[in-house]
All heavy atoms as atom14 arrays in JSON, in Angstrom:
{
  "sequence": "ELDRLAPSLTTDIVLIHVGNNGVIDEVALAAAIAKIPTHSVVVLGLP",
  "atom14_mask": [
    [1, 1, 1, 1, 1, 1, 1, 1, 1, 0, 0, 0, 0, 0],
    [1, 1, 1, 1, 1, 1, 1, 1, 0, 0, 0, 0, 0, 0],
    [1, 1, 1, 1, 1, 1, 1, 1, 0, 0, 0, 0, 0, 0],
    [1, 1, 1, 1, 1, 1, 1, 1, 1, 1, 1, 0, 0, 0],
    [1, 1, 1, 1, 1, 1, 1, 1, 0, 0, 0, 0, 0, 0],
    [1, 1, 1, 1, 1, 0, 0, 0, 0, 0, 0, 0, 0, 0],
    [1, 1, 1, 1, 1, 1, 1, 0, 0, 0, 0, 0, 0, 0],
    [1, 1, 1, 1, 1, 1, 0, 0, 0, 0, 0, 0, 0, 0],
    [1, 1, 1, 1, 1, 1, 1, 1, 0, 0, 0, 0, 0, 0],
    [1, 1, 1, 1, 1, 1, 1, 0, 0, 0, 0, 0, 0, 0],
    [1, 1, 1, 1, 1, 1, 1, 0, 0, 0, 0, 0, 0, 0],
    [1, 1, 1, 1, 1, 1, 1, 1, 0, 0, 0, 0, 0, 0],
    [1, 1, 1, 1, 1, 1, 1, 1, 0, 0, 0, 0, 0, 0],
    [1, 1, 1, 1, 1, 1, 1, 0, 0, 0, 0, 0, 0, 0],
    [1, 1, 1, 1, 1, 1, 1, 1, 0, 0, 0, 0, 0, 0],
    [1, 1, 1, 1, 1, 1, 1, 1, 0, 0, 0, 0, 0, 0],
    [1, 1, 1, 1, 1, 1, 1, 1, 1, 1, 0, 0, 0, 0],
    [1, 1, 1, 1, 1, 1, 1, 0, 0, 0, 0, 0, 0, 0],
    [1, 1, 1, 1, 0, 0, 0, 0, 0, 0, 0, 0, 0, 0],
    [1, 1, 1, 1, 1, 1, 1, 1, 0, 0, 0, 0, 0, 0],
    [1, 1, 1, 1, 1, 1, 1, 1, 0, 0, 0, 0, 0, 0],
    [1, 1, 1, 1, 0, 0, 0, 0, 0, 0, 0, 0, 0, 0],
    [1, 1, 1, 1, 1, 1, 1, 0, 0, 0, 0, 0, 0, 0],
    [1, 1, 1, 1, 1, 1, 1, 1, 0, 0, 0, 0, 0, 0],
    [1, 1, 1, 1, 1, 1, 1, 1, 0, 0, 0, 0, 0, 0],
    [1, 1, 1, 1, 1, 1, 1, 1, 1, 0, 0, 0, 0, 0],
    [1, 1, 1, 1, 1, 1, 1, 0, 0, 0, 0, 0, 0, 0],
    [1, 1, 1, 1, 1, 0, 0, 0, 0, 0, 0, 0, 0, 0],
    [1, 1, 1, 1, 1, 1, 1, 1, 0, 0, 0, 0, 0, 0],
    [1, 1, 1, 1, 1, 0, 0, 0, 0, 0, 0, 0, 0, 0],
    [1, 1, 1, 1, 1, 0, 0, 0, 0, 0, 0, 0, 0, 0],
    [1, 1, 1, 1, 1, 0, 0, 0, 0, 0, 0, 0, 0, 0],
    [1, 1, 1, 1, 1, 1, 1, 1, 0, 0, 0, 0, 0, 0],
    [1, 1, 1, 1, 1, 0, 0, 0, 0, 0, 0, 0, 0, 0],
    [1, 1, 1, 1, 1, 1, 1, 1, 1, 0, 0, 0, 0, 0],
    [1, 1, 1, 1, 1, 1, 1, 1, 0, 0, 0, 0, 0, 0],
    [1, 1, 1, 1, 1, 1, 1, 0, 0, 0, 0, 0, 0, 0],
    [1, 1, 1, 1, 1, 1, 1, 0, 0, 0, 0, 0, 0, 0],
    [1, 1, 1, 1, 1, 1, 1, 1, 1, 1, 0, 0, 0, 0],
    [1, 1, 1, 1, 1, 1, 0, 0, 0, 0, 0, 0, 0, 0],
    [1, 1, 1, 1, 1, 1, 1, 0, 0, 0, 0, 0, 0, 0],
    [1, 1, 1, 1, 1, 1, 1, 0, 0, 0, 0, 0, 0, 0],
    [1, 1, 1, 1, 1, 1, 1, 0, 0, 0, 0, 0, 0, 0],
    [1, 1, 1, 1, 1, 1, 1, 1, 0, 0, 0, 0, 0, 0],
    [1, 1, 1, 1, 0, 0, 0, 0, 0, 0, 0, 0, 0, 0],
    [1, 1, 1, 1, 1, 1, 1, 1, 0, 0, 0, 0, 0, 0],
    [1, 1, 1, 1, 1, 1, 1, 0, 0, 0, 0, 0, 0, 0]
  ],
  "atom14_positions": [
    [[-14.7, 2.55, -30.01], [-14.64, 3.95, -29.42], [-14.92, 3.83, -27.87], [-14.23, 4.41, -27.16], [-15.57, 4.94, -30.08], [-15.37, 6.36, -29.51], [-16.04, 7.4, -30.39], [-16.88, 7.15, -31.22], [-15.68, 8.53, -30.12], [0.0, 0.0, 0.0], [0.0, 0.0, 0.0], [0.0, 0.0, 0.0], [0.0, 0.0, 0.0], [0.0, 0.0, 0.0]],
    [[-15.92, 3.11, -27.49], [-16.25, 2.9, -26.15], [-14.97, 2.28, -25.4], [-14.66, 2.69, -24.34], [-17.42, 1.94, -26.0], [-17.76, 1.4, -24.55], [-18.17, 2.62, -23.62], [-18.92, 0.38, -24.58], [0.0, 0.0, 0.0], [0.0, 0.0, 0.0], [0.0, 0.0, 0.0], [0.0, 0.0, 0.0], [0.0, 0.0, 0.0], [0.0, 0.0, 0.0]],
    [[-14.36, 1.2, -25.96], [-13.3, 0.59, -25.43], [-12.16, 1.6, -25.18], [-11.45, 1.53, -24.12], [-12.77, -0.55, -26.38], [-11.78, -1.4, -25.7], [-12.12, -2.27, -24.82], [-10.56, -1.24, -25.97], [0.0, 0.0, 0.0], [0.0, 0.0, 0.0], [0.0, 0.0, 0.0], [0.0, 0.0, 0.0], [0.0, 0.0, 0.0], [0.0, 0.0, 0.0]],
    [[-11.97, 2.45, -26.16], [-10.86, 3.45, -26.05], [-11.11, 4.47, -24.89], [-10.2, 4.95, -24.21], [-10.67, 4.12, -27.42], [-9.45, 5.03, -27.57], [-9.37, 5.47, -29.01], [-10.54, 6.17, -29.58], [-10.77, 7.5, -29.34], [-9.99, 8.19, -28.59], [-11.83, 8.02, -29.81], [0.0, 0.0, 0.0], [0.0, 0.0, 0.0], [0.0, 0.0, 0.0]],
    [[-12.38, 4.86, -24.85], [-12.69, 6.03, -23.96], [-13.14, 5.56, -22.57], [-13.13, 6.3, -21.56], [-13.85, 6.86, -24.57], [-13.51, 7.55, -25.8], [-14.77, 8.32, -26.33], [-12.45, 8.52, -25.63], [0.0, 0.0, 0.0], [0.0, 0.0, 0.0], [0.0, 0.0, 0.0], [0.0, 0.0, 0.0], [0.0, 0.0, 0.0], [0.0, 0.0, 0.0]],
    [[-13.52, 4.33, -22.38], [-14.17, 3.8, -21.22], [-13.43, 4.11, -19.87], [-14.04, 4.62, -18.94], [-14.38, 2.23, -21.26], [0.0, 0.0, 0.0], [0.0, 0.0, 0.0], [0.0, 0.0, 0.0], [0.0, 0.0, 0.0], [0.0, 0.0, 0.0], [0.0, 0.0, 0.0], [0.0, 0.0, 0.0], [0.0, 0.0, 0.0], [0.0, 0.0, 0.0]],
    [[-12.09, 3.88, -19.84], [-11.39, 4.14, -18.55], [-11.45, 5.51, -18.14], [-11.33, 5.84, -16.91], [-9.94, 3.72, -18.81], [-10.05, 2.81, -20.08], [-11.18, 3.29, -20.88], [0.0, 0.0, 0.0], [0.0, 0.0, 0.0], [0.0, 0.0, 0.0], [0.0, 0.0, 0.0], [0.0, 0.0, 0.0], [0.0, 0.0, 0.0], [0.0, 0.0, 0.0]],
    [[-11.65, 6.46, -19.04], [-11.62, 7.89, -18.72], [-13.0, 8.52, -18.5], [-13.14, 9.68, -18.25], [-10.93, 8.74, -19.76], [-11.56, 8.59, -21.02], [0.0, 0.0, 0.0], [0.0, 0.0, 0.0], [0.0, 0.0, 0.0], [0.0, 0.0, 0.0], [0.0, 0.0, 0.0], [0.0, 0.0, 0.0], [0.0, 0.0, 0.0], [0.0, 0.0, 0.0]],
    [[-14.06, 7.67, -18.62], [-15.44, 8.21, -18.51], [-15.69, 8.58, -17.06], [-15.36, 7.92, -16.15], [-16.49, 7.21, -18.97], [-16.38, 6.89, -20.54], [-17.33, 5.72, -20.77], [-16.76, 8.1, -21.32], [0.0, 0.0, 0.0], [0.0, 0.0, 0.0], [0.0, 0.0, 0.0], [0.0, 0.0, 0.0], [0.0, 0.0, 0.0], [0.0, 0.0, 0.0]],
    [[-16.43, 9.74, -17.01], [-16.61, 10.26, -15.55], [-18.1, 10.45, -15.33], [-18.5, 10.93, -14.23], [-15.95, 11.64, -15.38], [-16.34, 12.55, -16.34], [-14.43, 11.47, -15.43], [0.0, 0.0, 0.0], [0.0, 0.0, 0.0], [0.0, 0.0, 0.0], [0.0, 0.0, 0.0], [0.0, 0.0, 0.0], [0.0, 0.0, 0.0], [0.0, 0.0, 0.0]],
    [[-18.95, 10.24, -16.29], [-20.38, 10.48, -16.19], [-21.1, 9.53, -15.25], [-20.65, 8.39, -15.09], [-21.11, 10.58, -17.55], [-20.85, 9.37, -18.24], [-20.7, 11.78, -18.33], [0.0, 0.0, 0.0], [0.0, 0.0, 0.0], [0.0, 0.0, 0.0], [0.0, 0.0, 0.0], [0.0, 0.0, 0.0], [0.0, 0.0, 0.0], [0.0, 0.0, 0.0]],
    [[-22.28, 9.89, -14.75], [-23.01, 9.02, -13.8], [-23.56, 7.84, -14.58], [-23.74, 6.75, -13.93], [-24.17, 9.81, -13.21], [-23.81, 11.02, -12.42], [-22.95, 10.88, -11.6], [-24.39, 12.15, -12.72], [0.0, 0.0, 0.0], [0.0, 0.0, 0.0], [0.0, 0.0, 0.0], [0.0, 0.0, 0.0], [0.0, 0.0, 0.0], [0.0, 0.0, 0.0]],
    [[-23.92, 8.05, -15.81], [-24.47, 6.98, -16.64], [-23.73, 6.82, -17.98], [-23.37, 7.79, -18.59], [-25.98, 7.33, -17.01], [-26.76, 7.64, -15.67], [-26.67, 6.28, -17.83], [-27.93, 8.68, -15.92], [0.0, 0.0, 0.0], [0.0, 0.0, 0.0], [0.0, 0.0, 0.0], [0.0, 0.0, 0.0], [0.0, 0.0, 0.0], [0.0, 0.0, 0.0]],
    [[-23.6, 5.59, -18.37], [-23.02, 5.34, -19.78], [-24.09, 4.52, -20.44], [-24.47, 3.43, -20.01], [-21.7, 4.57, -19.69], [-21.25, 4.21, -21.14], [-20.68, 5.35, -18.96], [0.0, 0.0, 0.0], [0.0, 0.0, 0.0], [0.0, 0.0, 0.0], [0.0, 0.0, 0.0], [0.0, 0.0, 0.0], [0.0, 0.0, 0.0], [0.0, 0.0, 0.0]],
    [[-24.74, 5.07, -21.57], [-25.75, 4.38, -22.26], [-25.2, 3.91, -23.54], [-24.53, 4.74, -24.28], [-26.89, 5.4, -22.59], [-27.97, 4.97, -23.51], [-28.72, 3.68, -23.14], [-29.02, 6.05, -23.84], [0.0, 0.0, 0.0], [0.0, 0.0, 0.0], [0.0, 0.0, 0.0], [0.0, 0.0, 0.0], [0.0, 0.0, 0.0], [0.0, 0.0, 0.0]],
    [[-25.33, 2.65, -23.84], [-24.8, 1.99, -25.12], [-25.99, 1.53, -25.89], [-26.73, 0.62, -25.41], [-23.86, 0.87, -24.76], [-22.75, 1.31, -23.79], [-23.27, 0.26, -26.03], [-22.02, 0.24, -23.03], [0.0, 0.0, 0.0], [0.0, 0.0, 0.0], [0.0, 0.0, 0.0], [0.0, 0.0, 0.0], [0.0, 0.0, 0.0], [0.0, 0.0, 0.0]],
    [[-26.23, 2.06, -27.07], [-27.26, 1.65, -27.85], [-26.68, 1.34, -29.35], [-26.55, 2.17, -30.09], [-28.41, 2.72, -28.02], [-29.7, 2.26, -28.55], [-30.75, 2.01, -27.8], [-30.01, 1.94, -29.86], [-31.79, 1.55, -28.58], [-31.31, 1.51, -29.83], [0.0, 0.0, 0.0], [0.0, 0.0, 0.0], [0.0, 0.0, 0.0], [0.0, 0.0, 0.0]],
    [[-26.41, 0.04, -29.47], [-25.73, -0.43, -30.69], [-26.58, -1.57, -31.31], [-27.43, -2.05, -30.66], [-24.28, -0.86, -30.54], [-23.43, 0.33, -30.13], [-24.17, -2.0, -29.46], [0.0, 0.0, 0.0], [0.0, 0.0, 0.0], [0.0, 0.0, 0.0], [0.0, 0.0, 0.0], [0.0, 0.0, 0.0], [0.0, 0.0, 0.0], [0.0, 0.0, 0.0]],
    [[-26.26, -1.83, -32.56], [-26.97, -2.94, -33.26], [-27.93, -2.56, -34.23], [-28.53, -3.46, -34.84], [0.0, 0.0, 0.0], [0.0, 0.0, 0.0], [0.0, 0.0, 0.0], [0.0, 0.0, 0.0], [0.0, 0.0, 0.0], [0.0, 0.0, 0.0], [0.0, 0.0, 0.0], [0.0, 0.0, 0.0], [0.0, 0.0, 0.0], [0.0, 0.0, 0.0]],
    [[-28.17, -1.29, -34.36], [-29.15, -0.88, -35.5], [-28.61, -1.14, -36.87], [-29.47, -1.38, -37.77], [-29.45, 0.6, -35.37], [-30.61, 0.94, -34.36], [-31.63, 0.3, -34.51], [-30.3, 1.72, -33.41], [0.0, 0.0, 0.0], [0.0, 0.0, 0.0], [0.0, 0.0, 0.0], [0.0, 0.0, 0.0], [0.0, 0.0, 0.0], [0.0, 0.0, 0.0]],
    [[-27.33, -1.35, -37.01], [-26.7, -1.41, -38.36], [-26.1, -2.86, -38.59], [-25.37, -2.93, -39.51], [-25.73, -0.36, -38.61], [-26.39, 1.05, -38.61], [-27.45, 1.24, -39.22], [-25.88, 1.98, -37.92], [0.0, 0.0, 0.0], [0.0, 0.0, 0.0], [0.0, 0.0, 0.0], [0.0, 0.0, 0.0], [0.0, 0.0, 0.0], [0.0, 0.0, 0.0]],
    [[-26.31, -3.78, -37.65], [-25.7, -5.08, -37.9], [-25.4, -5.68, -36.52], [-25.53, -5.06, -35.5], [0.0, 0.0, 0.0], [0.0, 0.0, 0.0], [0.0, 0.0, 0.0], [0.0, 0.0, 0.0], [0.0, 0.0, 0.0], [0.0, 0.0, 0.0], [0.0, 0.0, 0.0], [0.0, 0.0, 0.0], [0.0, 0.0, 0.0], [0.0, 0.0, 0.0]],
    [[-24.91, -6.96, -36.61], [-24.64, -7.72, -35.4], [-23.43, -7.11, -34.67], [-22.65, -6.34, -35.2], [-24.32, -9.24, -35.71], [-25.59, -9.84, -36.25], [-23.19, -9.38, -36.72], [0.0, 0.0, 0.0], [0.0, 0.0, 0.0], [0.0, 0.0, 0.0], [0.0, 0.0, 0.0], [0.0, 0.0, 0.0], [0.0, 0.0, 0.0], [0.0, 0.0, 0.0]],
    [[-23.25, -7.61, -33.36], [-22.17, -7.07, -32.53], [-21.19, -8.2, -32.15], [-21.54, -9.35, -32.38], [-22.8, -6.43, -31.23], [-23.5, -7.47, -30.39], [-23.67, -5.33, -31.52], [-23.78, -7.13, -29.06], [0.0, 0.0, 0.0], [0.0, 0.0, 0.0], [0.0, 0.0, 0.0], [0.0, 0.0, 0.0], [0.0, 0.0, 0.0], [0.0, 0.0, 0.0]],
    [[-20.16, -7.78, -31.65], [-19.09, -8.7, -31.13], [-19.3, -8.72, -29.62], [-18.9, -7.74, -28.88], [-17.73, -8.23, -31.58], [-16.61, -9.11, -30.99], [-16.83, -9.8, -29.98], [-15.48, -9.04, -31.54], [0.0, 0.0, 0.0], [0.0, 0.0, 0.0], [0.0, 0.0, 0.0], [0.0, 0.0, 0.0], [0.0, 0.0, 0.0], [0.0, 0.0, 0.0]],
    [[-19.88, -9.8, -29.09], [-20.23, -9.86, -27.64], [-18.96, -9.69, -26.76], [-18.98, -9.06, -25.81], [-20.93, -11.09, -27.38], [-22.32, -11.29, -27.9], [-22.96, -12.59, -27.59], [-22.82, -13.03, -26.41], [-23.58, -13.22, -28.46], [0.0, 0.0, 0.0], [0.0, 0.0, 0.0], [0.0, 0.0, 0.0], [0.0, 0.0, 0.0], [0.0, 0.0, 0.0]],
    [[-17.98, -10.43, -27.2], [-16.7, -10.42, -26.34], [-16.03, -9.07, -26.29], [-15.71, -8.56, -25.2], [-15.63, -11.4, -27.0], [-14.28, -11.33, -26.25], [-16.27, -12.84, -26.91], [0.0, 0.0, 0.0], [0.0, 0.0, 0.0], [0.0, 0.0, 0.0], [0.0, 0.0, 0.0], [0.0, 0.0, 0.0], [0.0, 0.0, 0.0], [0.0, 0.0, 0.0]],
    [[-16.08, -8.34, -27.39], [-15.46, -6.99, -27.49], [-16.33, -6.0, -26.65], [-15.79, -5.13, -25.89], [-15.42, -6.49, -28.9], [0.0, 0.0, 0.0], [0.0, 0.0, 0.0], [0.0, 0.0, 0.0], [0.0, 0.0, 0.0], [0.0, 0.0, 0.0], [0.0, 0.0, 0.0], [0.0, 0.0, 0.0], [0.0, 0.0, 0.0], [0.0, 0.0, 0.0]],
    [[-17.72, -6.12, -26.75], [-18.58, -5.27, -25.98], [-18.39, -5.46, -24.53], [-18.29, -4.57, -23.68], [-20.03, -5.45, -26.43], [-21.07, -4.56, -25.66], [-20.74, -3.12, -25.8], [-22.46, -4.93, -26.21], [0.0, 0.0, 0.0], [0.0, 0.0, 0.0], [0.0, 0.0, 0.0], [0.0, 0.0, 0.0], [0.0, 0.0, 0.0], [0.0, 0.0, 0.0]],
    [[-18.37, -6.76, -24.1], [-18.22, -7.01, -22.58], [-16.93, -6.57, -22.09], [-16.85, -5.97, -21.01], [-18.32, -8.57, -22.43], [0.0, 0.0, 0.0], [0.0, 0.0, 0.0], [0.0, 0.0, 0.0], [0.0, 0.0, 0.0], [0.0, 0.0, 0.0], [0.0, 0.0, 0.0], [0.0, 0.0, 0.0], [0.0, 0.0, 0.0], [0.0, 0.0, 0.0]],
    [[-15.81, -6.7, -22.91], [-14.52, -6.23, -22.48], [-14.51, -4.69, -22.37], [-13.93, -4.16, -21.39], [-13.38, -6.63, -23.54], [0.0, 0.0, 0.0], [0.0, 0.0, 0.0], [0.0, 0.0, 0.0], [0.0, 0.0, 0.0], [0.0, 0.0, 0.0], [0.0, 0.0, 0.0], [0.0, 0.0, 0.0], [0.0, 0.0, 0.0], [0.0, 0.0, 0.0]],
    [[-15.14, -4.0, -23.22], [-15.25, -2.55, -23.23], [-16.06, -2.07, -21.95], [-15.6, -1.2, -21.24], [-15.93, -1.99, -24.42], [0.0, 0.0, 0.0], [0.0, 0.0, 0.0], [0.0, 0.0, 0.0], [0.0, 0.0, 0.0], [0.0, 0.0, 0.0], [0.0, 0.0, 0.0], [0.0, 0.0, 0.0], [0.0, 0.0, 0.0], [0.0, 0.0, 0.0]],
    [[-17.21, -2.8, -21.69], [-17.98, -2.4, -20.57], [-17.16, -2.65, -19.26], [-17.22, -1.8, -18.32], [-19.28, -3.28, -20.53], [-20.25, -2.8, -21.6], [-20.03, -3.21, -19.18], [-21.43, -3.78, -21.87], [0.0, 0.0, 0.0], [0.0, 0.0, 0.0], [0.0, 0.0, 0.0], [0.0, 0.0, 0.0], [0.0, 0.0, 0.0], [0.0, 0.0, 0.0]],
    [[-16.37, -3.64, -19.23], [-15.55, -3.93, -18.01], [-14.55, -2.8, -17.7], [-14.1, -2.68, -16.59], [-14.77, -5.24, -18.19], [0.0, 0.0, 0.0], [0.0, 0.0, 0.0], [0.0, 0.0, 0.0], [0.0, 0.0, 0.0], [0.0, 0.0, 0.0], [0.0, 0.0, 0.0], [0.0, 0.0, 0.0], [0.0, 0.0, 0.0], [0.0, 0.0, 0.0]],
    [[-14.25, -1.96, -18.71], [-13.25, -0.91, -18.43], [-13.99, 0.4, -17.99], [-13.35, 1.4, -17.72], [-12.54, -0.62, -19.81], [-11.66, -1.75, -20.27], [-10.94, -1.33, -21.57], [-10.11, -2.46, -22.1], [-9.47, -2.09, -23.37], [0.0, 0.0, 0.0], [0.0, 0.0, 0.0], [0.0, 0.0, 0.0], [0.0, 0.0, 0.0], [0.0, 0.0, 0.0]],
    [[-15.29, 0.43, -18.05], [-15.98, 1.65, -17.55], [-15.92, 1.68, -16.04], [-16.19, 0.77, -15.34], [-17.48, 1.6, -17.93], [-17.6, 1.53, -19.46], [-18.29, 2.81, -17.41], [-19.08, 1.29, -19.92], [0.0, 0.0, 0.0], [0.0, 0.0, 0.0], [0.0, 0.0, 0.0], [0.0, 0.0, 0.0], [0.0, 0.0, 0.0], [0.0, 0.0, 0.0]],
    [[-15.49, 2.87, -15.45], [-15.31, 2.97, -13.99], [-16.58, 2.57, -13.29], [-17.75, 2.79, -13.74], [-15.05, 4.5, -13.79], [-14.43, 4.86, -15.15], [-15.09, 4.08, -16.15], [0.0, 0.0, 0.0], [0.0, 0.0, 0.0], [0.0, 0.0, 0.0], [0.0, 0.0, 0.0], [0.0, 0.0, 0.0], [0.0, 0.0, 0.0], [0.0, 0.0, 0.0]],
    [[-16.38, 2.04, -12.08], [-17.48, 1.37, -11.37], [-18.55, 2.39, -10.82], [-19.7, 2.03, -10.54], [-17.05, 0.58, -10.24], [-16.15, 1.34, -9.39], [-16.3, -0.74, -10.7], [0.0, 0.0, 0.0], [0.0, 0.0, 0.0], [0.0, 0.0, 0.0], [0.0, 0.0, 0.0], [0.0, 0.0, 0.0], [0.0, 0.0, 0.0], [0.0, 0.0, 0.0]],
    [[-18.19, 3.68, -10.84], [-19.2, 4.67, -10.31], [-20.28, 4.93, -11.36], [-21.28, 5.57, -11.05], [-18.46, 5.94, -9.93], [-17.81, 6.67, -11.04], [-18.49, 7.39, -12.04], [-16.5, 6.75, -11.38], [-17.71, 7.84, -12.94], [-16.48, 7.51, -12.51], [0.0, 0.0, 0.0], [0.0, 0.0, 0.0], [0.0, 0.0, 0.0], [0.0, 0.0, 0.0]],
    [[-20.06, 4.56, -12.56], [-21.11, 4.79, -13.64], [-22.14, 3.66, -13.75], [-21.74, 2.44, -13.62], [-20.43, 4.86, -14.97], [-19.52, 6.0, -15.14], [0.0, 0.0, 0.0], [0.0, 0.0, 0.0], [0.0, 0.0, 0.0], [0.0, 0.0, 0.0], [0.0, 0.0, 0.0], [0.0, 0.0, 0.0], [0.0, 0.0, 0.0], [0.0, 0.0, 0.0]],
    [[-23.33, 4.06, -13.95], [-24.42, 3.06, -14.18], [-24.25, 2.75, -15.68], [-24.18, 3.72, -16.51], [-25.83, 3.69, -13.82], [-26.91, 2.73, -14.25], [-25.94, 4.01, -12.43], [0.0, 0.0, 0.0], [0.0, 0.0, 0.0], [0.0, 0.0, 0.0], [0.0, 0.0, 0.0], [0.0, 0.0, 0.0], [0.0, 0.0, 0.0], [0.0, 0.0, 0.0]],
    [[-24.28, 1.49, -16.05], [-24.18, 1.19, -17.47], [-25.5, 0.65, -17.93], [-26.09, -0.24, -17.35], [-23.11, 0.07, -17.69], [-23.07, -0.37, -19.25], [-21.73, 0.58, -17.18], [0.0, 0.0, 0.0], [0.0, 0.0, 0.0], [0.0, 0.0, 0.0], [0.0, 0.0, 0.0], [0.0, 0.0, 0.0], [0.0, 0.0, 0.0], [0.0, 0.0, 0.0]],
    [[-26.04, 1.31, -18.97], [-27.3, 0.92, -19.53], [-27.15, 0.4, -20.98], [-26.53, 1.11, -21.75], [-28.3, 2.15, -19.55], [-29.66, 1.74, -20.14], [-28.51, 2.62, -18.09], [0.0, 0.0, 0.0], [0.0, 0.0, 0.0], [0.0, 0.0, 0.0], [0.0, 0.0, 0.0], [0.0, 0.0, 0.0], [0.0, 0.0, 0.0], [0.0, 0.0, 0.0]],
    [[-27.66, -0.73, -21.32], [-27.63, -1.29, -22.65], [-28.95, -1.26, -23.24], [-29.85, -1.89, -22.73], [-27.05, -2.74, -22.49], [-26.39, -3.48, -23.7], [-25.21, -2.66, -24.21], [-25.89, -4.81, -23.23], [0.0, 0.0, 0.0], [0.0, 0.0, 0.0], [0.0, 0.0, 0.0], [0.0, 0.0, 0.0], [0.0, 0.0, 0.0], [0.0, 0.0, 0.0]],
    [[-29.04, -0.49, -24.33], [-30.35, -0.42, -25.09], [-30.54, -1.55, -26.03], [-29.6, -1.87, -26.73], [0.0, 0.0, 0.0], [0.0, 0.0, 0.0], [0.0, 0.0, 0.0], [0.0, 0.0, 0.0], [0.0, 0.0, 0.0], [0.0, 0.0, 0.0], [0.0, 0.0, 0.0], [0.0, 0.0, 0.0], [0.0, 0.0, 0.0], [0.0, 0.0, 0.0]],
    [[-31.7, -2.21, -26.02], [-32.01, -3.22, -27.02], [-32.66, -2.6, -28.16], [-33.84, -2.12, -28.06], [-32.87, -4.4, -26.44], [-32.33, -4.99, -25.2], [-33.28, -6.19, -24.79], [-30.95, -5.59, -25.44], [0.0, 0.0, 0.0], [0.0, 0.0, 0.0], [0.0, 0.0, 0.0], [0.0, 0.0, 0.0], [0.0, 0.0, 0.0], [0.0, 0.0, 0.0]],
    [[-32.13, -2.66, -29.41], [-32.73, -1.89, -30.47], [-33.89, -2.53, -31.1], [-34.03, -3.75, -31.08], [-31.53, -1.92, -31.55], [-30.72, -3.12, -31.22], [-30.79, -3.38, -29.78], [0.0, 0.0, 0.0], [0.0, 0.0, 0.0], [0.0, 0.0, 0.0], [0.0, 0.0, 0.0], [0.0, 0.0, 0.0], [0.0, 0.0, 0.0], [0.0, 0.0, 0.0]]
  ]
}
């Protein structure tokens, strides 16, 4: 969902808090983050 919505995000901050329900795909997450517009601060929460 982040990957799909990332290019259109307009908020000052994008907080991503995943991993509570299992492991993640690092490559997919990094690729999705790369699509977030540069004006947003990206915060990754460690669960």
